[in-house]
C-alpha atoms as a PDB file:
ATOM      1  CA  MET A   1      13.588 -10.095 -30.762  1.00  0.00           C
ATOM      2  CA  GLU A   2       9.826 -10.473 -31.194  1.00  0.00           C
ATOM      3  CA  PHE A   3       7.803  -9.986 -28.028  1.00  0.00           C
ATOM      4  CA  ARG A   4       6.478 -13.547 -28.098  1.00  0.00           C
ATOM      5  CA  ASP A   5      10.049 -14.821 -28.269  1.00  0.00           C
ATOM      6  CA  VAL A   6      11.080 -12.679 -25.307  1.00  0.00           C
ATOM      7  CA  VAL A   7       8.218 -14.078 -23.224  1.00  0.00           C
ATOM      8  CA  ARG A   8       8.977 -17.670 -24.163  1.00  0.00           C
ATOM      9  CA  ALA A   9      12.714 -17.240 -23.531  1.00  0.00           C
ATOM     10  CA  ARG A  10      12.281 -15.709 -20.079  1.00  0.00           C
ATOM     11  CA  ARG A  11      13.418 -17.906 -17.226  1.00  0.00           C
ATOM     12  CA  MET A  12      14.896 -17.350 -13.793  1.00  0.00           C
ATOM     13  CA  VAL A  13      18.686 -17.330 -14.119  1.00  0.00           C
ATOM     14  CA  ARG A  14      20.486 -18.213 -10.891  1.00  0.00           C
ATOM     15  CA  ALA A  15      24.163 -18.114 -11.962  1.00  0.00           C
ATOM     16  CA  TYR A  16      26.057 -15.212 -13.562  1.00  0.00           C
ATOM     17  CA  ASP A  17      29.402 -14.321 -15.053  1.00  0.00           C
ATOM     18  CA  PRO A  18      30.784 -11.776 -12.540  1.00  0.00           C
ATOM     19  CA  ASP A  19      33.397 -10.521 -14.993  1.00  0.00           C
ATOM     20  CA  ARG A  20      30.884  -9.173 -17.527  1.00  0.00           C
ATOM     21  CA  PRO A  21      29.178  -6.046 -16.204  1.00  0.00           C
ATOM     22  CA  VAL A  22      25.767  -5.028 -17.462  1.00  0.00           C
ATOM     23  CA  PRO A  23      26.163  -2.025 -19.797  1.00  0.00           C
ATOM     24  CA  ARG A  24      24.827   1.107 -18.132  1.00  0.00           C
ATOM     25  CA  GLU A  25      22.619   1.858 -21.115  1.00  0.00           C
ATOM     26  CA  VAL A  26      20.910  -1.528 -20.700  1.00  0.00           C
ATOM     27  CA  VAL A  27      20.193  -0.810 -17.034  1.00  0.00           C
ATOM     28  CA  ASP A  28      18.849   2.590 -18.021  1.00  0.00           C
ATOM     29  CA  ARG A  29      16.617   0.999 -20.659  1.00  0.00           C
ATOM     30  CA  ALA A  30      15.292  -1.508 -18.124  1.00  0.00           C
ATOM     31  CA  LEU A  31      14.439   1.311 -15.709  1.00  0.00           C
ATOM     32  CA  ARG A  32      12.751   3.352 -18.423  1.00  0.00           C
ATOM     33  CA  HIS A  33      10.642   0.312 -19.312  1.00  0.00           C
ATOM     34  CA  ALA A  34       9.833  -0.291 -15.635  1.00  0.00           C
ATOM     35  CA  ILE A  35       8.223   3.119 -15.214  1.00  0.00           C
ATOM     36  CA  ARG A  36       5.860   2.271 -18.089  1.00  0.00           C
ATOM     37  CA  ALA A  37       4.195  -0.325 -15.857  1.00  0.00           C
ATOM     38  CA  PRO A  38       0.556   0.327 -14.917  1.00  0.00           C
ATOM     39  CA  SER A  39      -0.158   1.816 -11.509  1.00  0.00           C
ATOM     40  CA  ALA A  40      -3.475   2.442  -9.769  1.00  0.00           C
ATOM     41  CA  GLY A  41      -4.460   6.083 -10.084  1.00  0.00           C
ATOM     42  CA  PHE A  42      -1.124   6.651 -11.811  1.00  0.00           C
ATOM     43  CA  SER A  43       0.255   6.735  -8.271  1.00  0.00           C
ATOM     44  CA  GLN A  44       3.638   5.351  -9.369  1.00  0.00           C
ATOM     45  CA  GLY A  45       4.507   4.428  -5.796  1.00  0.00           C
ATOM     46  CA  TRP A  46       7.767   2.696  -6.562  1.00  0.00           C
ATOM     47  CA  ASP A  47      11.491   3.315  -6.205  1.00  0.00           C
ATOM     48  CA  PHE A  48      14.352   1.312  -7.701  1.00  0.00           C
ATOM     49  CA  VAL A  49      17.790   1.192  -6.063  1.00  0.00           C
ATOM     50  CA  VAL A  50      20.453   0.127  -8.573  1.00  0.00           C
ATOM     51  CA  LEU A  51      23.459  -1.689  -7.133  1.00  0.00           C
ATOM     52  CA  ALA A  52      26.073  -1.969  -9.884  1.00  0.00           C
ATOM     53  CA  ARG A  53      29.261  -1.583  -7.829  1.00  0.00           C
ATOM     54  CA  GLU A  54      30.813  -4.461  -5.901  1.00  0.00           C
ATOM     55  CA  GLU A  55      30.825  -2.523  -2.621  1.00  0.00           C
ATOM     56  CA  GLU A  56      27.130  -1.687  -2.997  1.00  0.00           C
ATOM     57  CA  ARG A  57      26.178  -5.282  -3.717  1.00  0.00           C
ATOM     58  CA  GLY A  58      28.310  -6.508  -0.823  1.00  0.00           C
ATOM     59  CA  ARG A  59      26.474  -4.188   1.543  1.00  0.00           C
ATOM     60  CA  PHE A  60      23.155  -5.501   0.230  1.00  0.00           C
ATOM     61  CA  TRP A  61      24.096  -9.168   0.632  1.00  0.00           C
ATOM     62  CA  SER A  62      25.448  -8.586   4.132  1.00  0.00           C
ATOM     63  CA  ALA A  63      22.190  -6.960   5.194  1.00  0.00           C
ATOM     64  CA  SER A  64      19.762  -9.233   3.363  1.00  0.00           C
ATOM     65  CA  THR A  65      21.206 -12.672   4.054  1.00  0.00           C
ATOM     66  CA  GLY A  66      22.731 -12.615   7.515  1.00  0.00           C
ATOM     67  CA  GLU A  67      25.937 -14.211   8.746  1.00  0.00           C
ATOM     68  CA  VAL A  68      24.650 -17.792   8.910  1.00  0.00           C
ATOM     69  CA  ALA A  69      23.445 -17.768   5.303  1.00  0.00           C
ATOM     70  CA  ARG A  70      26.712 -16.272   4.081  1.00  0.00           C
ATOM     71  CA  GLU A  71      28.732 -18.903   5.933  1.00  0.00           C
ATOM     72  CA  ARG A  72      26.591 -21.680   4.486  1.00  0.00           C
ATOM     73  CA  MET A  73      26.828 -20.142   0.996  1.00  0.00           C
ATOM     74  CA  ASP A  74      24.605 -22.667  -0.780  1.00  0.00           C
ATOM     75  CA  SER A  75      24.596 -23.017  -4.565  1.00  0.00           C
ATOM     76  CA  TRP A  76      21.708 -20.530  -4.951  1.00  0.00           C
ATOM     77  CA  LEU A  77      23.422 -17.760  -3.025  1.00  0.00           C
ATOM     78  CA  ARG A  78      26.795 -18.535  -4.595  1.00  0.00           C
ATOM     79  CA  GLY A  79      25.347 -18.145  -8.103  1.00  0.00           C
ATOM     80  CA  VAL A  80      23.066 -15.162  -7.535  1.00  0.00           C
ATOM     81  CA  SER A  81      25.572 -13.186  -5.484  1.00  0.00           C
ATOM     82  CA  ARG A  82      27.764 -13.065  -8.596  1.00  0.00           C
ATOM     83  CA  ALA A  83      25.164 -11.060 -10.537  1.00  0.00           C
ATOM     84  CA  PRO A  84      26.862  -7.802 -11.561  1.00  0.00           C
ATOM     85  CA  CYS A  85      23.687  -5.734 -11.224  1.00  0.00           C
ATOM     86  CA  LEU A  86      20.883  -5.776  -8.675  1.00  0.00           C
ATOM     87  CA  VAL A  87      17.821  -3.536  -8.746  1.00  0.00           C
ATOM     88  CA  VAL A  88      16.004  -3.431  -5.421  1.00  0.00           C
ATOM     89  CA  CYS A  89      12.302  -2.718  -6.033  1.00  0.00           C
ATOM     90  CA  LEU A  90      10.604  -0.720  -3.286  1.00  0.00           C
ATOM     91  CA  SER A  91       6.897   0.014  -2.935  1.00  0.00           C
ATOM     92  CA  ASP A  92       5.501   3.160  -1.331  1.00  0.00           C
ATOM     93  CA  LYS A  93       2.084   2.525   0.213  1.00  0.00           C
ATOM     94  CA  GLN A  94       1.650   6.119   1.323  1.00  0.00           C
ATOM     95  CA  ALA A  95       1.866   7.374  -2.264  1.00  0.00           C
ATOM     96  CA  TYR A  96      -1.306   5.373  -3.032  1.00  0.00           C
ATOM     97  CA  LEU A  97      -3.174   6.384   0.105  1.00  0.00           C
ATOM     98  CA  ASP A  98      -2.338  10.037  -0.596  1.00  0.00           C
ATOM     99  CA  ARG A  99      -3.267   9.793  -4.277  1.00  0.00           C
ATOM    100  CA  TYR A 100      -6.650   8.245  -3.505  1.00  0.00           C
ATOM    101  CA  ALA A 101      -7.375  10.954  -0.937  1.00  0.00           C
ATOM    102  CA  GLU A 102      -7.330  13.525  -3.763  1.00  0.00           C
ATOM    103  CA  PRO A 103     -10.679  14.997  -4.918  1.00  0.00           C
ATOM    104  CA  ASP A 104     -11.100  12.781  -7.999  1.00  0.00           C
ATOM    105  CA  LYS A 105     -10.822   9.634  -5.848  1.00  0.00           C
ATOM    106  CA  GLY A 106     -12.283  10.855  -2.571  1.00  0.00           C
ATOM    107  CA  LEU A 107     -10.959   8.273  -0.088  1.00  0.00           C
ATOM    108  CA  THR A 108      -9.985  10.985   2.364  1.00  0.00           C
ATOM    109  CA  ASP A 109      -9.688   8.682   5.373  1.00  0.00           C
ATOM    110  CA  ARG A 110      -6.659   7.030   3.731  1.00  0.00           C
ATOM    111  CA  SER A 111      -7.765   3.657   5.043  1.00  0.00           C
ATOM    112  CA  GLU A 112      -6.144   0.506   3.697  1.00  0.00           C
ATOM    113  CA  GLU A 113      -9.525  -1.213   4.032  1.00  0.00           C
ATOM    114  CA  HIS A 114     -10.529   0.295   0.677  1.00  0.00           C
ATOM    115  CA  TRP A 115      -7.863  -1.828  -1.024  1.00  0.00           C
ATOM    116  CA  PRO A 116      -8.773  -5.480  -1.717  1.00  0.00           C
ATOM    117  CA  VAL A 117      -5.096  -6.155  -2.477  1.00  0.00           C
ATOM    118  CA  PRO A 118      -1.996  -3.992  -1.856  1.00  0.00           C
ATOM    119  CA  TYR A 119      -1.697  -2.440  -5.309  1.00  0.00           C
ATOM    120  CA  TRP A 120       1.499  -0.649  -4.285  1.00  0.00           C
ATOM    121  CA  ASP A 121       3.137  -4.085  -4.200  1.00  0.00           C
ATOM    122  CA  VAL A 122       1.296  -5.415  -7.275  1.00  0.00           C
ATOM    123  CA  ASP A 123       2.301  -2.450  -9.428  1.00  0.00           C
ATOM    124  CA  THR A 124       5.925  -2.606  -8.287  1.00  0.00           C
ATOM    125  CA  GLY A 125       5.961  -6.303  -9.191  1.00  0.00           C
ATOM    126  CA  MET A 126       4.701  -5.510 -12.689  1.00  0.00           C
ATOM    127  CA  ALA A 127       7.477  -2.943 -13.079  1.00  0.00           C
ATOM    128  CA  ALA A 128       9.975  -5.621 -12.064  1.00  0.00           C
ATOM    129  CA  LEU A 129       8.615  -7.965 -14.734  1.00  0.00           C
ATOM    130  CA  LEU A 130       9.240  -5.331 -17.397  1.00  0.00           C
ATOM    131  CA  MET A 131      12.864  -5.201 -16.250  1.00  0.00           C
ATOM    132  CA  LEU A 132      13.136  -8.986 -16.507  1.00  0.00           C
ATOM    133  CA  LEU A 133      11.739  -8.944 -20.042  1.00  0.00           C
ATOM    134  CA  THR A 134      14.126  -6.139 -20.976  1.00  0.00           C
ATOM    135  CA  ALA A 135      17.055  -8.234 -19.755  1.00  0.00           C
ATOM    136  CA  VAL A 136      15.996 -11.120 -22.007  1.00  0.00           C
ATOM    137  CA  ASP A 137      15.535  -8.780 -24.966  1.00  0.00           C
ATOM    138  CA  GLU A 138      19.094  -7.513 -24.414  1.00  0.00           C
ATOM    139  CA  GLY A 139      20.560 -11.025 -24.339  1.00  0.00           C
ATOM    140  CA  LEU A 140      20.998 -11.091 -20.556  1.00  0.00           C
ATOM    141  CA  GLY A 141      19.656 -13.319 -17.811  1.00  0.00           C
ATOM    142  CA  GLY A 142      17.447 -12.096 -15.025  1.00  0.00           C
ATOM    143  CA  LEU A 143      16.058 -13.262 -11.706  1.00  0.00           C
ATOM    144  CA  PHE A 144      13.405 -11.915  -9.352  1.00  0.00           C
ATOM    145  CA  PHE A 145      13.893 -12.862  -5.713  1.00  0.00           C
ATOM    146  CA  GLY A 146      12.741 -11.683  -2.325  1.00  0.00           C
ATOM    147  CA  VAL A 147      14.336 -10.422   0.860  1.00  0.00           C
ATOM    148  CA  PRO A 148      13.285 -12.372   3.990  1.00  0.00           C
ATOM    149  CA  ALA A 149      10.814 -10.606   6.265  1.00  0.00           C
ATOM    150  CA  ASP A 150      13.276 -10.557   9.140  1.00  0.00           C
ATOM    151  CA  ARG A 151      15.937  -8.898   6.959  1.00  0.00           C
ATOM    152  CA  GLN A 152      13.784  -6.133   5.455  1.00  0.00           C
ATOM    153  CA  GLU A 153      14.559  -3.505   8.073  1.00  0.00           C
ATOM    154  CA  ALA A 154      18.301  -4.132   7.989  1.00  0.00           C
ATOM    155  CA  THR A 155      18.321  -4.059   4.188  1.00  0.00           C
ATOM    156  CA  LEU A 156      16.365  -0.814   3.990  1.00  0.00           C
ATOM    157  CA  ASP A 157      18.821   0.663   6.470  1.00  0.00           C
ATOM    158  CA  ALA A 158      21.795  -0.534   4.411  1.00  0.00           C
ATOM    159  CA  LEU A 159      20.269   1.118   1.339  1.00  0.00           C
ATOM    160  CA  GLU A 160      19.563   4.305   3.338  1.00  0.00           C
ATOM    161  CA  ALA A 161      15.946   3.966   2.155  1.00  0.00           C
ATOM    162  CA  PRO A 162      12.972   5.399   4.066  1.00  0.00           C
ATOM    163  CA  PRO A 163      11.695   2.915   6.666  1.00  0.00           C
ATOM    164  CA  ASP A 164       8.133   3.142   5.321  1.00  0.00           C
ATOM    165  CA  ARG A 165       9.137   1.485   2.041  1.00  0.00           C
ATOM    166  CA  ARG A 166       8.708  -2.250   1.461  1.00  0.00           C
ATOM    167  CA  ILE A 167      11.119  -4.400  -0.520  1.00  0.00           C
ATOM    168  CA  VAL A 168       8.818  -6.178  -2.963  1.00  0.00           C
ATOM    169  CA  GLY A 169      11.742  -7.995  -4.532  1.00  0.00           C
ATOM    170  CA  VAL A 170      15.078  -7.679  -6.260  1.00  0.00           C
ATOM    171  CA  VAL A 171      15.859  -7.988  -9.959  1.00  0.00           C
ATOM    172  CA  ALA A 172      19.264  -9.523 -10.652  1.00  0.00           C
ATOM    173  CA  MET A 173      20.655  -8.958 -14.138  1.00  0.00           C
ATOM    174  CA  GLY A 174      23.761 -10.188 -15.883  1.00  0.00           C
ATOM    175  CA  TYR A 175      25.199 -12.550 -18.444  1.00  0.00           C
ATOM    176  CA  ALA A 176      24.203 -16.106 -17.586  1.00  0.00           C
ATOM    177  CA  ALA A 177      26.782 -18.661 -16.462  1.00  0.00           C
ATOM    178  CA  PRO A 178      26.314 -22.436 -16.763  1.00  0.00           C
ATOM    179  CA  ASP A 179      23.822 -23.667 -14.209  1.00  0.00           C
ATOM    180  CA  ARG A 180      21.576 -26.638 -13.623  1.00  0.00           C
ATOM    181  CA  PRO A 181      17.839 -26.086 -14.158  1.00  0.00           C
ATOM    182  CA  SER A 182      15.735 -25.548 -11.063  1.00  0.00           C
ATOM    183  CA  PRO A 183      14.300 -28.836  -9.766  1.00  0.00           C
ATOM    184  CA  SER A 184      10.974 -27.009  -9.417  1.00  0.00           C
ATOM    185  CA  LEU A 185      10.626 -27.162 -13.209  1.00  0.00           C
ATOM    186  CA  ARG A 186       9.857 -30.847 -12.881  1.00  0.00           C
ATOM    187  CA  ARG A 187       6.407 -29.780 -11.766  1.00  0.00           C
ATOM    188  CA  GLY A 188       5.686 -28.802 -15.362  1.00  0.00           C
ATOM    189  CA  ARG A 189       3.825 -25.760 -16.623  1.00  0.00           C
ATOM    190  CA  ARG A 190       0.080 -25.821 -16.072  1.00  0.00           C
ATOM    191  CA  PRO A 191      -1.661 -25.662 -19.490  1.00  0.00           C
ATOM    192  CA  VAL A 192      -3.938 -22.791 -20.472  1.00  0.00           C
ATOM    193  CA  GLY A 193      -6.932 -25.130 -20.530  1.00  0.00           C
ATOM    194  CA  GLU A 194      -6.368 -25.840 -16.844  1.00  0.00           C
ATOM    195  CA  VAL A 195      -5.831 -22.313 -15.564  1.00  0.00           C
ATOM    196  CA  ALA A 196      -8.090 -20.277 -17.871  1.00  0.00           C
ATOM    197  CA  HIS A 197     -11.854 -20.402 -17.479  1.00  0.00           C
ATOM    198  CA  GLU A 198     -14.430 -19.172 -19.978  1.00  0.00           C
ATOM    199  CA  GLY A 199     -17.513 -17.402 -18.731  1.00  0.00           C
ATOM    200  CA  ARG A 200     -17.449 -19.017 -15.299  1.00  0.00           C
ATOM    201  CA  PHE A 201     -14.997 -20.867 -13.101  1.00  0.00           C
ATOM    202  CA  GLY A 202     -14.723 -24.500 -14.098  1.00  0.00           C
ATOM    203  CA  THR A 203     -15.454 -24.072 -17.808  1.00  0.00           C
ATOM    204  CA  PRO A 204     -12.064 -24.528 -19.508  1.00  0.00           C
ATOM    205  CA  TRP A 205     -10.901 -22.009 -22.067  1.00  0.00           C
ATOM    206  CA  THR A 206     -10.612 -23.818 -25.402  1.00  0.00           C
ATOM    207  CA  GLY A 207      -8.931 -21.116 -27.483  1.00  0.00           C
END
């Protein structure tokens, strides 16, 4: 598939066929693409926890959703929880602070104040996008979703991940099942001429 077709075909898939596992080689390809994402100072402060077994995914959902959400089991959770593969994307802030304390960067105080945005989260998000695009290229559906703030600690514990990591989001992958489009799509996509500015803010890009 041409790259432009992959980009145009990408959408958030919220329902999956639980009986069709994602081939291991596809997961491996997605991970190998993810580590090609840019990272500040080549810090590469990311980790990816792959949950491809039912028991592993069950442990994740128990920790990340809580009992009330599981009992309610709305259409979103019902569809996404059937995804046969989840990749939990973790960022490692300390890897960036340590990298930028090295001689070629010189920020030896390791202060977060030097960072206008948390690039450890930004870079991990870009790696996740490469996984989503890989899923589309392989004929699969993908979804990026977050773990609630009040469930982060429990989820990290369930994954046996270091407590200093942050869950930036989770990539679900699998073969899409019939689903209704998200009602949010009614908002429409903002056109390039509205979001892109040429030379200065307020001068629309005309192409």
